[in-house]
Amino acid sequence: MPATYRAPLRSRRDDVDPDLAQVRAVALGLVGIGGRLDPAPGPDTPREQVLARTVLEHGERVARRVERFAAVEEGSVVWTRDTDGRYRRGVLTGPWRYDSTREACAADLVHVRPCDWDEPVDEPQAPVAVVASFERGGRNFQRVRALDG
């Protein structure tokens, strides 16, 4: 059984529109987290260099979050909440990359992975453990261990 994760798709920065990353991620078939770098690394920059810059610009904790996100296995399940509060299930389909586009930086959704998103469902159709993880709040991409087999 694949691991399940909560993906709020919301910047940890208070100066970023809280809905911007979620709308962008679903529209482009992505899941991701923030931690934009200035200047943005190029598309061929190795992950190790991006992590080293992340340590310098944001600290060790953020770099570890990026590293854990990048290491999640393909095929893992992710859940997010749409801007209208409905739940949406996705499956990771590819590797980590840094998205250096202006739009990604504006949404602070720069550490991304391809994701196939299902249509949204109402709360009763979402797993109870997923709903509980969102009710606790927070902006972290995190594992929903209650759903592990």
N, C-alpha and C. Protein backbone atom coordinates (compact mmCIF):
# COMPACT_ATOMS: atom_id res chain seq x y z
N MET A 1 0.85 -1.18 0.00
CA MET A 1 0.00 0.00 0.00
C MET A 1 0.90 1.25 0.00
N PRO A 2 0.64 2.19 -0.90
CA PRO A 2 1.48 3.39 -0.94
C PRO A 2 1.26 4.28 0.28
N ALA A 3 2.29 5.03 0.62
CA ALA A 3 2.18 5.99 1.72
C ALA A 3 1.25 7.13 1.31
N THR A 4 0.64 7.76 2.31
CA THR A 4 -0.29 8.87 2.08
C THR A 4 0.25 10.11 2.77
N TYR A 5 0.11 11.26 2.08
CA TYR A 5 0.61 12.53 2.58
C TYR A 5 -0.45 13.60 2.50
N ARG A 6 -0.36 14.54 3.42
CA ARG A 6 -1.17 15.76 3.39
C ARG A 6 -0.35 16.82 2.68
N ALA A 7 -0.93 17.46 1.68
CA ALA A 7 -0.24 18.50 0.92
C ALA A 7 -1.09 19.77 0.94
N PRO A 8 -0.87 20.66 1.91
CA PRO A 8 -1.70 21.86 2.00
C PRO A 8 -1.58 22.79 0.78
N LEU A 9 -0.45 22.70 0.07
CA LEU A 9 -0.23 23.56 -1.11
C LEU A 9 -0.48 25.02 -0.76
N ARG A 10 0.15 25.43 0.32
CA ARG A 10 0.04 26.81 0.79
C ARG A 10 1.40 27.26 1.28
N SER A 11 1.80 28.43 0.87
CA SER A 11 3.09 28.96 1.27
C SER A 11 3.16 29.14 2.78
N ARG A 12 4.33 28.97 3.32
CA ARG A 12 4.56 29.26 4.73
C ARG A 12 4.73 30.76 4.93
N ARG A 13 4.84 31.50 3.83
CA ARG A 13 5.01 32.96 3.89
C ARG A 13 3.63 33.62 3.98
N ASP A 14 3.47 34.54 4.91
CA ASP A 14 2.19 35.23 5.08
C ASP A 14 1.93 36.27 4.00
N ASP A 15 2.96 36.64 3.23
CA ASP A 15 2.78 37.66 2.19
C ASP A 15 2.38 37.04 0.84
N VAL A 16 2.10 35.74 0.80
CA VAL A 16 1.71 35.05 -0.43
C VAL A 16 0.23 34.66 -0.32
N ASP A 17 -0.53 34.95 -1.37
CA ASP A 17 -1.95 34.59 -1.43
C ASP A 17 -2.09 33.10 -1.08
N PRO A 18 -2.88 32.75 -0.05
CA PRO A 18 -2.96 31.36 0.39
C PRO A 18 -3.58 30.40 -0.63
N ASP A 19 -4.33 30.91 -1.61
CA ASP A 19 -4.96 30.04 -2.61
C ASP A 19 -4.14 29.89 -3.88
N LEU A 20 -3.17 30.75 -4.09
CA LEU A 20 -2.44 30.79 -5.35
C LEU A 20 -1.73 29.47 -5.66
N ALA A 21 -1.02 28.91 -4.71
CA ALA A 21 -0.27 27.67 -4.95
C ALA A 21 -1.21 26.50 -5.23
N GLN A 22 -2.31 26.41 -4.50
CA GLN A 22 -3.24 25.29 -4.69
C GLN A 22 -3.84 25.32 -6.09
N VAL A 23 -4.29 26.47 -6.53
CA VAL A 23 -4.89 26.60 -7.85
C VAL A 23 -3.85 26.27 -8.93
N ARG A 24 -2.65 26.79 -8.78
CA ARG A 24 -1.58 26.55 -9.75
C ARG A 24 -1.21 25.07 -9.80
N ALA A 25 -1.05 24.44 -8.64
CA ALA A 25 -0.62 23.04 -8.59
C ALA A 25 -1.62 22.13 -9.29
N VAL A 26 -2.89 22.28 -8.98
CA VAL A 26 -3.90 21.41 -9.58
C VAL A 26 -3.99 21.67 -11.09
N ALA A 27 -3.96 22.92 -11.50
CA ALA A 27 -4.05 23.24 -12.92
C ALA A 27 -2.89 22.66 -13.73
N LEU A 28 -1.70 22.62 -13.13
CA LEU A 28 -0.51 22.15 -13.86
C LEU A 28 -0.17 20.70 -13.56
N GLY A 29 -0.93 20.03 -12.70
CA GLY A 29 -0.62 18.65 -12.36
C GLY A 29 0.66 18.52 -11.56
N LEU A 30 0.73 19.33 -10.49
CA LEU A 30 1.91 19.35 -9.63
C LEU A 30 1.50 19.23 -8.17
N VAL A 31 2.43 18.82 -7.34
CA VAL A 31 2.32 18.96 -5.91
C VAL A 31 3.65 19.58 -5.48
N GLY A 32 3.64 20.40 -4.44
CA GLY A 32 4.90 21.03 -4.09
C GLY A 32 4.89 21.74 -2.76
N ILE A 33 6.05 22.32 -2.49
CA ILE A 33 6.25 23.10 -1.27
C ILE A 33 7.03 24.35 -1.62
N GLY A 34 7.10 25.26 -0.68
CA GLY A 34 7.79 26.52 -0.89
C GLY A 34 9.26 26.46 -0.51
N GLY A 35 9.86 27.64 -0.51
CA GLY A 35 11.27 27.78 -0.20
C GLY A 35 12.02 28.36 -1.39
N ARG A 36 11.44 29.43 -1.95
CA ARG A 36 12.05 30.02 -3.15
C ARG A 36 13.43 30.57 -2.84
N LEU A 37 14.28 30.51 -3.85
CA LEU A 37 15.66 30.96 -3.75
C LEU A 37 15.86 32.16 -4.66
N ASP A 38 16.74 33.07 -4.23
CA ASP A 38 17.00 34.28 -5.00
C ASP A 38 18.51 34.49 -5.14
N PRO A 39 19.00 34.42 -6.38
CA PRO A 39 18.28 34.14 -7.63
C PRO A 39 17.91 32.67 -7.73
N ALA A 40 16.89 32.40 -8.55
CA ALA A 40 16.41 31.03 -8.73
C ALA A 40 17.47 30.20 -9.44
N PRO A 41 17.65 28.96 -9.01
CA PRO A 41 18.60 28.09 -9.70
C PRO A 41 18.08 27.71 -11.08
N GLY A 42 18.98 27.37 -11.96
CA GLY A 42 18.60 26.94 -13.31
C GLY A 42 17.98 25.56 -13.29
N PRO A 43 17.36 25.16 -14.40
CA PRO A 43 16.66 23.88 -14.45
C PRO A 43 17.57 22.66 -14.31
N ASP A 44 18.84 22.81 -14.60
CA ASP A 44 19.76 21.67 -14.52
C ASP A 44 20.60 21.67 -13.24
N THR A 45 20.29 22.56 -12.32
CA THR A 45 21.04 22.62 -11.07
C THR A 45 20.79 21.35 -10.27
N PRO A 46 21.84 20.64 -9.87
CA PRO A 46 21.64 19.41 -9.09
C PRO A 46 20.96 19.68 -7.76
N ARG A 47 20.21 18.70 -7.31
CA ARG A 47 19.47 18.82 -6.05
C ARG A 47 20.39 19.18 -4.90
N GLU A 48 21.59 18.60 -4.85
CA GLU A 48 22.52 18.87 -3.75
C GLU A 48 22.87 20.36 -3.68
N GLN A 49 23.03 21.00 -4.84
CA GLN A 49 23.33 22.44 -4.86
C GLN A 49 22.12 23.25 -4.41
N VAL A 50 20.93 22.84 -4.83
CA VAL A 50 19.72 23.53 -4.41
C VAL A 50 19.56 23.40 -2.89
N LEU A 51 19.82 22.22 -2.36
CA LEU A 51 19.71 22.02 -0.90
C LEU A 51 20.74 22.86 -0.16
N ALA A 52 21.96 22.94 -0.68
CA ALA A 52 22.99 23.75 -0.03
C ALA A 52 22.58 25.23 -0.01
N ARG A 53 22.02 25.71 -1.11
CA ARG A 53 21.54 27.10 -1.14
C ARG A 53 20.36 27.30 -0.21
N THR A 54 19.51 26.28 -0.11
CA THR A 54 18.36 26.37 0.78
C THR A 54 18.83 26.51 2.23
N VAL A 55 19.86 25.77 2.61
CA VAL A 55 20.42 25.89 3.96
C VAL A 55 20.88 27.32 4.20
N LEU A 56 21.58 27.90 3.22
CA LEU A 56 22.10 29.26 3.37
C LEU A 56 20.99 30.31 3.46
N GLU A 57 19.95 30.15 2.64
CA GLU A 57 18.90 31.17 2.57
C GLU A 57 17.76 30.97 3.58
N HIS A 58 17.49 29.71 3.93
CA HIS A 58 16.32 29.43 4.78
C HIS A 58 16.63 28.62 6.01
N GLY A 59 17.80 28.01 6.07
CA GLY A 59 18.17 27.22 7.24
C GLY A 59 18.05 25.73 7.00
N GLU A 60 18.62 25.00 7.95
CA GLU A 60 18.68 23.54 7.87
C GLU A 60 17.30 22.88 7.89
N ARG A 61 16.38 23.41 8.69
CA ARG A 61 15.04 22.80 8.78
C ARG A 61 14.31 22.81 7.44
N VAL A 62 14.37 23.92 6.75
CA VAL A 62 13.70 24.02 5.44
C VAL A 62 14.37 23.07 4.46
N ALA A 63 15.69 23.02 4.48
CA ALA A 63 16.41 22.11 3.57
C ALA A 63 16.02 20.66 3.84
N ARG A 64 15.87 20.29 5.10
CA ARG A 64 15.44 18.92 5.41
C ARG A 64 14.02 18.66 4.92
N ARG A 65 13.14 19.65 5.01
CA ARG A 65 11.77 19.48 4.48
C ARG A 65 11.82 19.24 2.97
N VAL A 66 12.65 20.01 2.27
CA VAL A 66 12.77 19.84 0.82
C VAL A 66 13.32 18.45 0.51
N GLU A 67 14.34 18.04 1.24
CA GLU A 67 14.94 16.73 1.01
C GLU A 67 13.94 15.59 1.25
N ARG A 68 13.14 15.68 2.31
CA ARG A 68 12.12 14.66 2.58
C ARG A 68 11.06 14.65 1.47
N PHE A 69 10.65 15.82 1.04
CA PHE A 69 9.65 15.91 -0.03
C PHE A 69 10.19 15.27 -1.31
N ALA A 70 11.43 15.57 -1.65
CA ALA A 70 12.03 15.02 -2.87
C ALA A 70 12.19 13.51 -2.80
N ALA A 71 12.32 12.96 -1.60
CA ALA A 71 12.56 11.53 -1.42
C ALA A 71 11.28 10.68 -1.37
N VAL A 72 10.11 11.32 -1.34
CA VAL A 72 8.86 10.56 -1.29
C VAL A 72 8.76 9.69 -2.56
N GLU A 73 8.36 8.45 -2.37
CA GLU A 73 8.30 7.51 -3.49
C GLU A 73 7.23 7.88 -4.50
N GLU A 74 7.57 7.68 -5.78
CA GLU A 74 6.55 7.81 -6.82
C GLU A 74 5.46 6.79 -6.53
N GLY A 75 4.22 7.15 -6.83
CA GLY A 75 3.09 6.28 -6.54
C GLY A 75 2.46 6.59 -5.19
N SER A 76 3.13 7.41 -4.39
CA SER A 76 2.54 7.81 -3.10
C SER A 76 1.31 8.65 -3.35
N VAL A 77 0.38 8.59 -2.40
CA VAL A 77 -0.88 9.33 -2.49
C VAL A 77 -0.74 10.64 -1.73
N VAL A 78 -1.26 11.70 -2.30
CA VAL A 78 -1.29 13.00 -1.63
C VAL A 78 -2.73 13.51 -1.62
N TRP A 79 -3.06 14.23 -0.57
CA TRP A 79 -4.38 14.85 -0.47
C TRP A 79 -4.19 16.34 -0.22
N THR A 80 -5.03 17.14 -0.86
CA THR A 80 -5.05 18.58 -0.61
C THR A 80 -6.51 19.00 -0.45
N ARG A 81 -6.67 20.26 -0.11
CA ARG A 81 -8.02 20.84 -0.05
C ARG A 81 -8.09 21.96 -1.06
N ASP A 82 -9.15 21.94 -1.86
CA ASP A 82 -9.38 23.01 -2.82
C ASP A 82 -9.71 24.31 -2.10
N THR A 83 -9.71 25.39 -2.85
CA THR A 83 -10.01 26.70 -2.27
C THR A 83 -11.44 26.76 -1.73
N ASP A 84 -12.32 25.85 -2.21
CA ASP A 84 -13.69 25.81 -1.70
C ASP A 84 -13.86 24.81 -0.56
N GLY A 85 -12.76 24.21 -0.08
CA GLY A 85 -12.81 23.31 1.06
C GLY A 85 -13.04 21.85 0.73
N ARG A 86 -13.17 21.51 -0.55
CA ARG A 86 -13.33 20.10 -0.94
C ARG A 86 -11.96 19.43 -0.96
N TYR A 87 -11.94 18.12 -0.83
CA TYR A 87 -10.70 17.35 -0.79
C TYR A 87 -10.38 16.78 -2.17
N ARG A 88 -9.10 16.72 -2.47
CA ARG A 88 -8.67 16.22 -3.77
C ARG A 88 -7.50 15.27 -3.56
N ARG A 89 -7.62 14.08 -4.11
CA ARG A 89 -6.59 13.05 -4.02
C ARG A 89 -5.71 13.10 -5.28
N GLY A 90 -4.42 12.89 -5.06
CA GLY A 90 -3.48 12.83 -6.18
C GLY A 90 -2.49 11.72 -5.98
N VAL A 91 -1.78 11.38 -7.06
CA VAL A 91 -0.74 10.36 -7.00
C VAL A 91 0.53 10.96 -7.60
N LEU A 92 1.65 10.85 -6.86
CA LEU A 92 2.93 11.35 -7.36
C LEU A 92 3.37 10.50 -8.55
N THR A 93 3.74 11.17 -9.64
CA THR A 93 4.09 10.44 -10.86
C THR A 93 5.50 10.73 -11.36
N GLY A 94 6.26 11.53 -10.64
CA GLY A 94 7.59 11.83 -11.14
C GLY A 94 8.48 12.44 -10.08
N PRO A 95 9.72 12.77 -10.48
CA PRO A 95 10.73 13.24 -9.54
C PRO A 95 10.61 14.73 -9.21
N TRP A 96 11.35 15.11 -8.17
CA TRP A 96 11.46 16.50 -7.73
C TRP A 96 12.17 17.34 -8.79
N ARG A 97 11.77 18.60 -8.85
CA ARG A 97 12.52 19.61 -9.61
C ARG A 97 12.25 20.96 -8.99
N TYR A 98 13.14 21.92 -9.27
CA TYR A 98 12.94 23.29 -8.81
C TYR A 98 12.30 24.05 -9.96
N ASP A 99 11.14 24.64 -9.73
CA ASP A 99 10.43 25.43 -10.74
C ASP A 99 10.80 26.89 -10.55
N SER A 100 11.59 27.41 -11.46
CA SER A 100 12.11 28.77 -11.32
C SER A 100 11.29 29.81 -12.08
N THR A 101 10.11 29.44 -12.57
CA THR A 101 9.30 30.41 -13.31
C THR A 101 8.80 31.52 -12.38
N ARG A 102 8.50 32.64 -12.96
CA ARG A 102 8.00 33.78 -12.20
C ARG A 102 6.71 33.42 -11.45
N GLU A 103 5.84 32.64 -12.11
CA GLU A 103 4.57 32.26 -11.51
C GLU A 103 4.78 31.33 -10.30
N ALA A 104 5.73 30.40 -10.42
CA ALA A 104 6.03 29.50 -9.30
C ALA A 104 6.58 30.28 -8.12
N CYS A 105 7.45 31.23 -8.40
CA CYS A 105 8.02 32.05 -7.32
C CYS A 105 6.94 32.91 -6.66
N ALA A 106 6.01 33.45 -7.46
CA ALA A 106 4.93 34.27 -6.90
C ALA A 106 4.04 33.45 -5.97
N ALA A 107 3.82 32.18 -6.31
CA ALA A 107 2.99 31.30 -5.48
C ALA A 107 3.80 30.63 -4.37
N ASP A 108 5.11 30.79 -4.40
CA ASP A 108 6.02 30.09 -3.48
C ASP A 108 5.75 28.59 -3.51
N LEU A 109 5.64 28.06 -4.74
CA LEU A 109 5.48 26.63 -4.97
C LEU A 109 6.59 26.24 -5.95
N VAL A 110 7.80 26.19 -5.44
CA VAL A 110 8.97 26.03 -6.30
C VAL A 110 9.59 24.64 -6.27
N HIS A 111 9.44 23.93 -5.18
CA HIS A 111 9.93 22.55 -5.10
C HIS A 111 8.73 21.68 -5.46
N VAL A 112 8.73 21.12 -6.67
CA VAL A 112 7.53 20.47 -7.20
C VAL A 112 7.81 19.07 -7.71
N ARG A 113 6.73 18.31 -7.79
CA ARG A 113 6.73 16.96 -8.36
C ARG A 113 5.48 16.82 -9.21
N PRO A 114 5.54 16.06 -10.31
CA PRO A 114 4.32 15.81 -11.08
C PRO A 114 3.33 14.99 -10.26
N CYS A 115 2.05 15.30 -10.45
CA CYS A 115 1.00 14.66 -9.67
C CYS A 115 -0.26 14.57 -10.51
N ASP A 116 -0.86 13.39 -10.55
CA ASP A 116 -2.16 13.21 -11.22
C ASP A 116 -3.25 13.42 -10.18
N TRP A 117 -4.03 14.49 -10.36
CA TRP A 117 -5.09 14.85 -9.40
C TRP A 117 -6.43 14.29 -9.85
N ASP A 118 -7.19 13.72 -8.90
CA ASP A 118 -8.56 13.29 -9.14
C ASP A 118 -9.49 14.49 -9.00
N GLU A 119 -10.74 14.27 -9.33
CA GLU A 119 -11.76 15.31 -9.13
C GLU A 119 -11.98 15.48 -7.62
N PRO A 120 -12.36 16.68 -7.19
CA PRO A 120 -12.57 16.91 -5.75
C PRO A 120 -13.78 16.14 -5.22
N VAL A 121 -13.70 15.83 -3.93
CA VAL A 121 -14.80 15.16 -3.23
C VAL A 121 -15.14 15.95 -1.98
N ASP A 122 -16.34 15.75 -1.50
CA ASP A 122 -16.76 16.37 -0.24
C ASP A 122 -16.13 15.62 0.93
N GLU A 123 -16.11 16.25 2.08
CA GLU A 123 -15.47 15.68 3.27
C GLU A 123 -15.86 14.24 3.57
N PRO A 124 -17.15 13.85 3.49
CA PRO A 124 -17.50 12.46 3.83
C PRO A 124 -16.82 11.42 2.93
N GLN A 125 -16.38 11.80 1.73
CA GLN A 125 -15.73 10.85 0.83
C GLN A 125 -14.20 10.80 1.03
N ALA A 126 -13.67 11.68 1.82
CA ALA A 126 -12.22 11.70 2.10
C ALA A 126 -11.95 10.82 3.33
N PRO A 127 -10.76 10.20 3.38
CA PRO A 127 -10.44 9.40 4.57
C PRO A 127 -10.47 10.24 5.85
N VAL A 128 -10.99 9.67 6.91
CA VAL A 128 -11.12 10.36 8.19
C VAL A 128 -9.77 10.89 8.65
N ALA A 129 -8.71 10.10 8.49
CA ALA A 129 -7.38 10.53 8.94
C ALA A 129 -6.89 11.74 8.15
N VAL A 130 -7.23 11.82 6.88
CA VAL A 130 -6.84 12.98 6.06
C VAL A 130 -7.59 14.22 6.54
N VAL A 131 -8.89 14.09 6.75
CA VAL A 131 -9.68 15.22 7.24
C VAL A 131 -9.12 15.69 8.58
N ALA A 132 -8.81 14.76 9.47
CA ALA A 132 -8.26 15.13 10.79
C ALA A 132 -6.93 15.85 10.65
N SER A 133 -6.09 15.43 9.69
CA SER A 133 -4.79 16.09 9.52
C SER A 133 -4.95 17.53 9.05
N PHE A 134 -5.95 17.79 8.23
CA PHE A 134 -6.20 19.17 7.80
C PHE A 134 -6.85 19.99 8.91
N GLU A 135 -7.69 19.37 9.71
CA GLU A 135 -8.34 20.09 10.80
C GLU A 135 -7.34 20.56 11.85
N ARG A 136 -6.23 19.83 11.99
CA ARG A 136 -5.20 20.25 12.94
C ARG A 136 -4.48 21.51 12.46
N GLY A 137 -4.61 21.82 11.19
CA GLY A 137 -3.99 23.02 10.64
C GLY A 137 -2.53 22.80 10.27
N GLY A 138 -1.89 23.89 9.96
CA GLY A 138 -0.49 23.84 9.58
C GLY A 138 -0.30 23.91 8.07
N ARG A 139 0.92 24.17 7.68
CA ARG A 139 1.24 24.35 6.27
C ARG A 139 2.26 23.33 5.77
N ASN A 140 2.55 22.32 6.58
CA ASN A 140 3.57 21.34 6.21
C ASN A 140 3.02 20.23 5.33
N PHE A 141 3.84 19.81 4.37
CA PHE A 141 3.61 18.57 3.64
C PHE A 141 4.03 17.48 4.63
N GLN A 142 3.09 16.58 4.96
CA GLN A 142 3.43 15.59 5.97
C GLN A 142 2.70 14.28 5.75
N ARG A 143 3.29 13.23 6.25
CA ARG A 143 2.73 11.90 6.11
C ARG A 143 1.51 11.74 7.00
N VAL A 144 0.50 11.04 6.49
CA VAL A 144 -0.69 10.71 7.26
C VAL A 144 -0.52 9.24 7.65
N ARG A 145 0.13 9.01 8.75
CA ARG A 145 0.53 7.66 9.16
C ARG A 145 -0.66 6.76 9.50
N ALA A 146 -1.77 7.33 9.91
CA ALA A 146 -2.94 6.52 10.25
C ALA A 146 -3.45 5.72 9.05
N LEU A 147 -3.04 6.09 7.85
CA LEU A 147 -3.49 5.40 6.64
C LEU A 147 -2.45 4.39 6.14
N ASP A 148 -1.31 4.29 6.80
CA ASP A 148 -0.28 3.33 6.39
C ASP A 148 -0.74 1.92 6.72
N GLY A 149 -0.46 0.99 5.80
CA GLY A 149 -0.90 -0.40 5.97
C GLY A 149 -0.12 -1.17 6.88
